[in-house]
Amino acid sequence: MKTSPSGADAAWLHLDATAHVPLTCQRCLGSVSLALRLDQDFRFVADEATALAQDEESQEDVLVLSRDFDVLALVEDELLMAMPIVPMHEACTSERAPTSGDEEVDVSTEKPNPFAALASLKIGKA
């Protein structure tokens, strides 16, 4: 038990979790193992109205304490929210998507203008 910002006793939960999640790199489509780390505090309050009122002004997350509170679901949700939207290697060395600093990708090759071919189809119109 700690005290809440109002000075009353409050139940708190400190979540410290680490997980390694196998995902697919969106650059090269290879597998990438991402390390997720959580270090977060939660404060419990009696009802939803109190949680909504105090959540905006507090640094910790405010949750409603109930008899059927599912801690595993909370850990799962927090780990899912910690995952990147687009998982990628820091430096892909795949032939499909080279992004490492060792290789230089030539992006200066200009593609022909697709409308230039249409200009050759014009028949002597003045």
C-alpha atoms as a PDB file:
ATOM      1  CA  MET A   1       0.000   0.000   0.000  1.00  0.00           C
ATOM      2  CA  LYS A   2       1.140   3.464  -0.925  1.00  0.00           C
ATOM      3  CA  THR A   3      -0.662   6.724  -0.645  1.00  0.00           C
ATOM      4  CA  SER A   4      -2.602   8.203  -3.518  1.00  0.00           C
ATOM      5  CA  PRO A   5      -2.147  11.843  -4.640  1.00  0.00           C
ATOM      6  CA  SER A   6      -5.056  12.778  -2.359  1.00  0.00           C
ATOM      7  CA  GLY A   7      -3.212  11.341   0.664  1.00  0.00           C
ATOM      8  CA  ALA A   8      -5.406   8.254   1.194  1.00  0.00           C
ATOM      9  CA  ASP A   9      -4.042   4.697   1.164  1.00  0.00           C
ATOM     10  CA  ALA A  10      -4.203   3.081  -2.253  1.00  0.00           C
ATOM     11  CA  ALA A  11      -3.328  -0.286  -3.756  1.00  0.00           C
ATOM     12  CA  TRP A  12      -0.523  -0.147  -6.340  1.00  0.00           C
ATOM     13  CA  LEU A  13       0.950  -2.619  -8.806  1.00  0.00           C
ATOM     14  CA  HIS A  14       4.446  -2.262 -10.237  1.00  0.00           C
ATOM     15  CA  LEU A  15       4.772  -4.153 -13.521  1.00  0.00           C
ATOM     16  CA  ASP A  16       8.305  -5.105 -14.561  1.00  0.00           C
ATOM     17  CA  ALA A  17       8.291  -7.512 -17.503  1.00  0.00           C
ATOM     18  CA  THR A  18      10.620  -8.574 -20.297  1.00  0.00           C
ATOM     19  CA  ALA A  19       9.738 -10.668 -23.334  1.00  0.00           C
ATOM     20  CA  HIS A  20      11.406 -11.684 -26.580  1.00  0.00           C
ATOM     21  CA  VAL A  21       8.869 -11.827 -29.399  1.00  0.00           C
ATOM     22  CA  PRO A  22       9.551 -13.466 -32.780  1.00  0.00           C
ATOM     23  CA  LEU A  23       8.115 -11.272 -35.544  1.00  0.00           C
ATOM     24  CA  THR A  24       8.507 -10.766 -39.301  1.00  0.00           C
ATOM     25  CA  CYS A  25      10.680  -7.897 -40.519  1.00  0.00           C
ATOM     26  CA  GLN A  26       8.635  -5.662 -42.814  1.00  0.00           C
ATOM     27  CA  ARG A  27      11.674  -4.705 -44.905  1.00  0.00           C
ATOM     28  CA  CYS A  28      13.107  -8.095 -45.786  1.00  0.00           C
ATOM     29  CA  LEU A  29      10.320 -10.441 -44.610  1.00  0.00           C
ATOM     30  CA  GLY A  30      12.842 -12.395 -42.523  1.00  0.00           C
ATOM     31  CA  SER A  31      12.387 -13.263 -38.881  1.00  0.00           C
ATOM     32  CA  VAL A  32      13.399 -10.734 -36.244  1.00  0.00           C
ATOM     33  CA  SER A  33      13.374 -11.255 -32.481  1.00  0.00           C
ATOM     34  CA  LEU A  34      12.394  -8.096 -30.624  1.00  0.00           C
ATOM     35  CA  ALA A  35      13.005  -7.561 -26.931  1.00  0.00           C
ATOM     36  CA  LEU A  36      10.104  -5.853 -25.171  1.00  0.00           C
ATOM     37  CA  ARG A  37      10.585  -4.255 -21.758  1.00  0.00           C
ATOM     38  CA  LEU A  38       7.906  -2.883 -19.440  1.00  0.00           C
ATOM     39  CA  ASP A  39       8.452  -0.872 -16.273  1.00  0.00           C
ATOM     40  CA  GLN A  40       5.170   0.701 -15.268  1.00  0.00           C
ATOM     41  CA  ASP A  41       3.133   1.591 -12.161  1.00  0.00           C
ATOM     42  CA  PHE A  42      -0.613   1.126 -11.781  1.00  0.00           C
ATOM     43  CA  ARG A  43      -2.777   2.592  -9.034  1.00  0.00           C
ATOM     44  CA  PHE A  44      -6.117   1.025  -8.173  1.00  0.00           C
ATOM     45  CA  VAL A  45      -9.255   2.971  -7.315  1.00  0.00           C
ATOM     46  CA  ALA A  46     -12.733   1.921  -6.218  1.00  0.00           C
ATOM     47  CA  ASP A  47     -14.819   2.777  -9.295  1.00  0.00           C
ATOM     48  CA  GLU A  48     -14.726   3.773 -12.949  1.00  0.00           C
ATOM     49  CA  ALA A  49     -15.760   7.389 -12.326  1.00  0.00           C
ATOM     50  CA  THR A  50     -12.800   7.911  -9.997  1.00  0.00           C
ATOM     51  CA  ALA A  51     -10.457   6.240 -12.487  1.00  0.00           C
ATOM     52  CA  LEU A  52     -11.627   8.501 -15.322  1.00  0.00           C
ATOM     53  CA  ALA A  53     -11.337  11.624 -13.166  1.00  0.00           C
ATOM     54  CA  GLN A  54      -7.827  10.843 -11.901  1.00  0.00           C
ATOM     55  CA  ASP A  55      -6.300   9.243 -14.990  1.00  0.00           C
ATOM     56  CA  GLU A  56      -5.666  12.506 -16.865  1.00  0.00           C
ATOM     57  CA  GLU A  57      -3.775  14.203 -14.049  1.00  0.00           C
ATOM     58  CA  SER A  58      -1.703  11.259 -12.776  1.00  0.00           C
ATOM     59  CA  GLN A  59       1.570   9.952 -14.147  1.00  0.00           C
ATOM     60  CA  GLU A  60       0.706   6.329 -13.393  1.00  0.00           C
ATOM     61  CA  ASP A  61      -2.138   4.406 -14.981  1.00  0.00           C
ATOM     62  CA  VAL A  62      -5.292   4.282 -12.878  1.00  0.00           C
ATOM     63  CA  LEU A  63      -7.288   1.039 -12.899  1.00  0.00           C
ATOM     64  CA  VAL A  64     -10.472  -0.101 -11.185  1.00  0.00           C
ATOM     65  CA  LEU A  65      -9.904  -2.724  -8.491  1.00  0.00           C
ATOM     66  CA  SER A  66     -12.276  -5.668  -8.731  1.00  0.00           C
ATOM     67  CA  ARG A  67     -12.448  -9.241  -7.441  1.00  0.00           C
ATOM     68  CA  ASP A  68     -12.014 -10.708 -10.918  1.00  0.00           C
ATOM     69  CA  PHE A  69      -9.096  -8.487 -11.997  1.00  0.00           C
ATOM     70  CA  ASP A  70      -6.985 -10.442 -14.533  1.00  0.00           C
ATOM     71  CA  VAL A  71      -3.290  -9.609 -14.057  1.00  0.00           C
ATOM     72  CA  LEU A  72      -2.199 -11.864 -16.932  1.00  0.00           C
ATOM     73  CA  ALA A  73      -4.521 -10.032 -19.324  1.00  0.00           C
ATOM     74  CA  LEU A  74      -3.040  -6.722 -18.133  1.00  0.00           C
ATOM     75  CA  VAL A  75       0.518  -7.963 -18.783  1.00  0.00           C
ATOM     76  CA  GLU A  76      -0.492  -9.270 -22.212  1.00  0.00           C
ATOM     77  CA  ASP A  77      -2.184  -5.985 -23.154  1.00  0.00           C
ATOM     78  CA  GLU A  78       0.794  -3.912 -22.038  1.00  0.00           C
ATOM     79  CA  LEU A  79       3.234  -6.114 -23.988  1.00  0.00           C
ATOM     80  CA  LEU A  80       1.036  -5.861 -27.102  1.00  0.00           C
ATOM     81  CA  MET A  81       0.988  -2.066 -26.795  1.00  0.00           C
ATOM     82  CA  ALA A  82       4.799  -2.038 -26.420  1.00  0.00           C
ATOM     83  CA  MET A  83       5.253  -3.862 -29.738  1.00  0.00           C
ATOM     84  CA  PRO A  84       6.242  -1.702 -32.716  1.00  0.00           C
ATOM     85  CA  ILE A  85       3.624  -1.112 -35.381  1.00  0.00           C
ATOM     86  CA  VAL A  86       6.098  -2.061 -38.107  1.00  0.00           C
ATOM     87  CA  PRO A  87       8.744  -4.507 -36.841  1.00  0.00           C
ATOM     88  CA  MET A  88      12.095  -4.262 -38.641  1.00  0.00           C
ATOM     89  CA  HIS A  89      15.723  -5.213 -38.247  1.00  0.00           C
ATOM     90  CA  GLU A  90      17.905  -2.263 -37.340  1.00  0.00           C
ATOM     91  CA  ALA A  91      19.955  -3.049 -40.455  1.00  0.00           C
ATOM     92  CA  CYS A  92      18.651  -5.549 -43.007  1.00  0.00           C
ATOM     93  CA  THR A  93      21.307  -7.308 -45.035  1.00  0.00           C
ATOM     94  CA  SER A  94      18.876  -9.174 -47.224  1.00  0.00           C
ATOM     95  CA  GLU A  95      19.187  -8.968 -51.020  1.00  0.00           C
ATOM     96  CA  ARG A  96      15.512  -7.954 -51.147  1.00  0.00           C
ATOM     97  CA  ALA A  97      15.889  -4.946 -48.876  1.00  0.00           C
ATOM     98  CA  PRO A  98      19.468  -3.885 -48.168  1.00  0.00           C
ATOM     99  CA  THR A  99      19.432  -1.167 -45.530  1.00  0.00           C
ATOM    100  CA  SER A 100      22.758  -1.595 -43.806  1.00  0.00           C
ATOM    101  CA  GLY A 101      25.315   1.193 -44.047  1.00  0.00           C
ATOM    102  CA  ASP A 102      27.873  -1.181 -45.640  1.00  0.00           C
ATOM    103  CA  GLU A 103      26.137  -1.271 -48.989  1.00  0.00           C
ATOM    104  CA  GLU A 104      25.341   1.680 -51.156  1.00  0.00           C
ATOM    105  CA  VAL A 105      22.086   1.566 -53.027  1.00  0.00           C
ATOM    106  CA  ASP A 106      22.052   3.464 -56.301  1.00  0.00           C
ATOM    107  CA  VAL A 107      18.814   5.429 -56.386  1.00  0.00           C
ATOM    108  CA  SER A 108      19.986   7.897 -59.012  1.00  0.00           C
ATOM    109  CA  THR A 109      18.923   5.784 -61.989  1.00  0.00           C
ATOM    110  CA  GLU A 110      16.203   7.757 -63.665  1.00  0.00           C
ATOM    111  CA  LYS A 111      13.229   5.941 -65.073  1.00  0.00           C
ATOM    112  CA  PRO A 112      11.991   7.077 -68.468  1.00  0.00           C
ATOM    113  CA  ASN A 113       8.934   9.240 -68.446  1.00  0.00           C
ATOM    114  CA  PRO A 114       5.974   6.991 -69.324  1.00  0.00           C
ATOM    115  CA  PHE A 115       4.433   9.780 -71.411  1.00  0.00           C
ATOM    116  CA  ALA A 116       7.559  10.137 -73.565  1.00  0.00           C
ATOM    117  CA  ALA A 117       6.536   6.959 -75.403  1.00  0.00           C
ATOM    118  CA  LEU A 118       3.165   8.545 -76.159  1.00  0.00           C
ATOM    119  CA  ALA A 119       4.874  11.510 -77.821  1.00  0.00           C
ATOM    120  CA  SER A 120       6.305   9.172 -80.455  1.00  0.00           C
ATOM    121  CA  LEU A 121       2.772   8.027 -81.318  1.00  0.00           C
ATOM    122  CA  LYS A 122       1.708  11.477 -82.445  1.00  0.00           C
ATOM    123  CA  ILE A 123       1.251  11.532 -86.153  1.00  0.00           C
ATOM    124  CA  GLY A 124       2.358  14.821 -87.656  1.00  0.00           C
ATOM    125  CA  LYS A 125      -0.441  16.890 -86.115  1.00  0.00           C
ATOM    126  CA  ALA A 126       0.178  20.586 -86.199  1.00  0.00           C
END
